[in-house]
C-alpha cells in the first residue's frame, strides 16, 4: 500500500472519528462504531491508527496548531488591531465552516484528553487566548476599540463564534463570505470605538 493511499485512509478515519465524537460524544464512540463508519473490521483500524485517544489528540492538536498559525499570520499583518481581530474572527468562521467535524471535537471533546496531552493542549489554547487578548488591549489603548473589559470582549467574541459549527451543519445555504460579513459586522459593531 502506498503512503498516499494510507494517508487518504487515515484522513477518512480521522474525519469519521470527528463526526462520531460530534454526534455521539467521545466517551460513547467505540472503535467498533468507527470501523463500521469507514467500512473496515475493528482489528484493521489499528493498521491506520494507534487508538481512539490518539485520534482525539491528533484532531485537537491539528486544530490548535491551525489557530496558532492563523494567529502568527494575523500578528504580522500591517493593519489596525481592530482589523487583526476581524481577521481572527474570519479565521474562526472559516475553520468552523470548512472543518465542522474537527472543530466540534476541538471545542467540546478535548476534555477527554489525558495528561500530558491535556496539559500541553491547554497551554496551546491559553497561548492563543492570551495573544488574542493582547490585540484587544492594544486596540483599546489605541482608541480603535471601546474602553471595555478586554476579557469580556474576548470571551464574548469566542462564544459568539463557537456555535457556528452547529448552525452551519444544518445545510444552511449561506455562503461563507456572506456569513463572515454578517458576523464580523455584528460583533465588531459592538466594540468599535
Protein backbone atom coordinates (compact mmCIF):
# COMPACT_ATOMS: atom_id res chain seq x y z
CA UNK A 1 0.00 0.00 0.00
CA UNK A 2 1.45 3.38 -0.96
CA UNK A 3 1.84 6.13 1.61
CA UNK A 4 -0.63 8.30 -0.36
CA UNK A 5 -3.33 5.64 -0.07
CA UNK A 6 -2.51 5.15 3.64
CA UNK A 7 -2.71 8.90 4.25
CA UNK A 8 -6.03 9.06 2.43
CA UNK A 9 -7.39 6.20 4.52
CA UNK A 10 -6.12 7.83 7.70
CA UNK A 11 -7.78 11.11 6.70
CA UNK A 12 -11.05 9.26 6.10
CA UNK A 13 -10.74 7.62 9.51
CA UNK A 14 -9.94 10.97 11.18
CA UNK A 15 -12.99 12.63 9.62
CA UNK A 16 -15.23 9.72 10.58
CA UNK A 17 -13.89 9.81 14.14
CA UNK A 18 -14.51 13.54 14.39
CA UNK A 19 -18.09 13.03 13.14
CA UNK A 20 -18.64 10.26 15.68
CA UNK A 21 -17.21 12.39 18.50
CA UNK A 22 -19.52 15.22 17.39
CA UNK A 23 -22.64 13.08 17.10
CA UNK A 24 -22.22 10.61 19.96
CA UNK A 25 -19.54 12.23 22.09
CA UNK A 26 -16.04 10.86 22.60
CA UNK A 27 -16.94 8.57 25.51
CA UNK A 28 -19.88 6.94 23.73
CA UNK A 29 -17.96 6.37 20.47
CA UNK A 30 -16.31 2.96 20.14
CA UNK A 31 -13.69 1.59 17.81
CA UNK A 32 -16.41 -0.73 16.50
CA UNK A 33 -18.53 2.36 15.63
CA UNK A 34 -15.56 3.89 13.86
CA UNK A 35 -14.77 0.69 11.95
CA UNK A 36 -18.37 0.49 10.78
CA UNK A 37 -18.31 4.16 9.70
CA UNK A 38 -15.27 3.57 7.48
CA UNK A 39 -16.27 0.07 6.35
CA UNK A 40 -13.38 -1.76 7.99
CA UNK A 41 -13.06 -4.51 10.58
CA UNK A 42 -12.23 -3.10 14.01
CA UNK A 43 -8.93 -5.00 14.03
CA UNK A 44 -7.98 -3.42 10.67
CA UNK A 45 -8.30 0.08 12.11
CA UNK A 46 -5.10 -0.46 14.06
CA UNK A 47 -3.18 -0.66 10.78
CA UNK A 48 -4.01 3.03 10.34
CA UNK A 49 -4.32 4.43 13.87
CA UNK A 50 -2.98 3.77 17.35
CA UNK A 51 -6.13 4.27 19.42
CA UNK A 52 -9.28 6.32 19.87
CA UNK A 53 -7.38 8.61 22.22
CA UNK A 54 -4.62 9.10 19.64
CA UNK A 55 -7.29 10.19 17.13
CA UNK A 56 -8.69 12.71 19.58
CA UNK A 57 -5.20 14.02 20.28
CA UNK A 58 -4.48 14.46 16.60
CA UNK A 59 -7.80 16.21 15.95
CA UNK A 60 -7.32 18.59 18.89
CA UNK A 61 -3.67 19.39 18.21
CA UNK A 62 -4.18 19.82 14.46
CA UNK A 63 -6.84 22.41 15.18
CA UNK A 64 -4.79 24.11 17.92
CA UNK A 65 -1.89 24.46 15.50
CA UNK A 66 -4.21 25.75 12.78
CA UNK A 67 -5.44 28.52 15.11
CA UNK A 68 -1.91 29.35 16.24
CA UNK A 69 -0.69 29.51 12.64
CA UNK A 70 -3.56 31.89 11.88
CA UNK A 71 -2.57 33.98 14.90
CA UNK A 72 1.05 34.12 13.68
CA UNK A 73 -0.13 35.43 10.30
CA UNK A 74 -2.51 37.98 11.86
CA UNK A 75 0.13 39.33 14.25
CA UNK A 76 2.43 40.02 11.25
CA UNK A 77 -0.27 41.97 9.37
CA UNK A 78 0.25 45.67 8.72
CA UNK A 79 -3.21 46.62 9.92
CA UNK A 80 -5.09 48.18 12.80
CA UNK A 81 -5.75 45.99 15.80
CA UNK A 82 -9.45 46.11 15.00
CA UNK A 83 -8.64 44.70 11.54
CA UNK A 84 -6.49 41.99 13.14
CA UNK A 85 -9.38 41.00 15.39
CA UNK A 86 -11.64 40.96 12.35
CA UNK A 87 -9.15 38.61 10.63
CA UNK A 88 -9.20 36.29 13.64
CA UNK A 89 -13.00 36.22 13.67
CA UNK A 90 -12.86 35.28 9.97
CA UNK A 91 -10.37 32.53 10.87
CA UNK A 92 -12.83 31.08 13.41
CA UNK A 93 -15.68 31.26 10.89
CA UNK A 94 -13.62 29.69 8.11
CA UNK A 95 -12.41 26.81 10.26
CA UNK A 96 -15.90 26.15 11.66
CA UNK A 97 -17.43 26.23 8.17
CA UNK A 98 -14.78 24.15 6.40
CA UNK A 99 -13.88 21.56 9.04
CA UNK A 100 -17.09 21.17 11.00
CA UNK A 101 -16.34 17.75 12.45
CA UNK A 102 -12.86 18.50 13.75
CA UNK A 103 -13.77 21.86 15.20
CA UNK A 104 -16.62 20.18 17.07
CA UNK A 105 -14.20 17.74 18.69
CA UNK A 106 -11.76 20.59 19.32
CA UNK A 107 -14.42 22.73 21.00
CA UNK A 108 -16.07 20.07 23.12
CA UNK A 109 -14.28 16.75 23.33
CA UNK A 110 -10.78 17.98 24.28
CA UNK A 111 -11.79 17.45 27.91
CA UNK A 112 -11.23 13.72 27.35
CA UNK A 113 -7.53 14.17 26.65
CA UNK A 114 -5.28 12.66 29.31
CA UNK A 115 -2.07 14.13 30.65
CA UNK A 116 0.47 15.02 29.48
CA UNK A 117 -1.57 15.78 26.34
CA UNK A 118 -4.29 17.67 28.20
CA UNK A 119 -1.76 19.96 29.86
CA UNK A 120 0.02 20.58 26.56
CA UNK A 121 -3.27 21.26 24.76
CA UNK A 122 -4.43 23.69 27.46
CA UNK A 123 -1.09 25.50 27.21
CA UNK A 124 -1.58 25.98 23.46
CA UNK A 125 -5.17 27.11 23.97
CA UNK A 126 -4.12 29.58 26.69
CA UNK A 127 -1.35 30.95 24.47
CA UNK A 128 -3.85 31.65 21.71
CA UNK A 129 -6.28 33.32 24.13
CA UNK A 130 -3.53 35.48 25.66
CA UNK A 131 -2.27 36.62 22.27
CA UNK A 132 -5.85 37.48 21.21
CA UNK A 133 -6.29 39.38 24.48
CA UNK A 134 -3.13 41.42 23.81
CA UNK A 135 -4.55 42.51 20.44
CA UNK A 136 -7.75 43.64 22.17
CA UNK A 137 -5.86 45.53 24.88
CA UNK A 138 -3.67 47.35 22.35
CA UNK A 139 -6.77 48.13 20.28
CA UNK A 140 -8.33 49.71 23.37
CA UNK A 141 -5.15 51.68 24.16
CA UNK A 142 -5.03 53.00 20.59
CA UNK A 143 -8.68 54.03 20.69
CA UNK A 144 -9.73 51.55 17.98
CA UNK A 145 -11.86 49.54 20.39
CA UNK A 146 -14.25 50.79 23.08
CA UNK A 147 -12.81 51.03 26.57
CA UNK A 148 -14.42 47.89 27.96
CA UNK A 149 -13.16 44.90 29.95
CA UNK A 150 -10.79 43.10 27.50
CA UNK A 151 -11.62 39.65 28.97
CA UNK A 152 -15.32 40.33 28.48
CA UNK A 153 -14.68 41.25 24.85
CA UNK A 154 -12.52 38.16 24.30
CA UNK A 155 -14.96 35.64 25.72
CA UNK A 156 -17.95 37.33 24.09
CA UNK A 157 -16.20 37.06 20.72
CA UNK A 158 -15.32 33.41 21.35
CA UNK A 159 -18.80 32.47 22.49
CA UNK A 160 -20.26 34.33 19.51
CA UNK A 161 -18.49 32.08 17.01
CA UNK A 162 -18.49 28.81 18.99
CA UNK A 163 -21.98 27.80 17.85
CA UNK A 164 -21.17 28.16 14.13
CA UNK A 165 -20.46 24.51 13.52
CA UNK A 166 -23.96 23.64 14.80
CA UNK A 167 -25.67 26.29 12.67
CA UNK A 168 -23.61 25.65 9.57
CA UNK A 169 -24.06 21.87 9.60
CA UNK A 170 -27.83 22.22 9.28
CA UNK A 171 -27.42 22.61 5.50
CA UNK A 172 -27.72 26.36 5.53
CA UNK A 173 -27.28 27.93 2.14
CA UNK A 174 -25.43 31.00 3.38
CA UNK A 175 -22.14 31.44 1.55
CA UNK A 176 -19.03 31.67 3.67
CA UNK A 177 -18.28 35.24 2.54
CA UNK A 178 -21.80 36.39 3.46
CA UNK A 179 -21.59 34.61 6.80
CA UNK A 180 -18.22 36.25 7.56
CA UNK A 181 -19.54 39.68 6.59
CA UNK A 182 -22.66 39.42 8.74
CA UNK A 183 -20.90 38.07 11.81
CA UNK A 184 -17.94 40.47 11.71
CA UNK A 185 -20.27 43.44 11.25
CA UNK A 186 -22.43 42.28 14.14
CA UNK A 187 -19.51 41.61 16.51
CA UNK A 188 -17.21 44.47 15.61
CA UNK A 189 -20.07 46.97 15.59
CA UNK A 190 -20.36 46.43 19.34
CA UNK A 191 -16.70 47.01 20.18
CA UNK A 192 -15.53 49.51 17.55
CA UNK A 193 -14.67 52.86 19.13
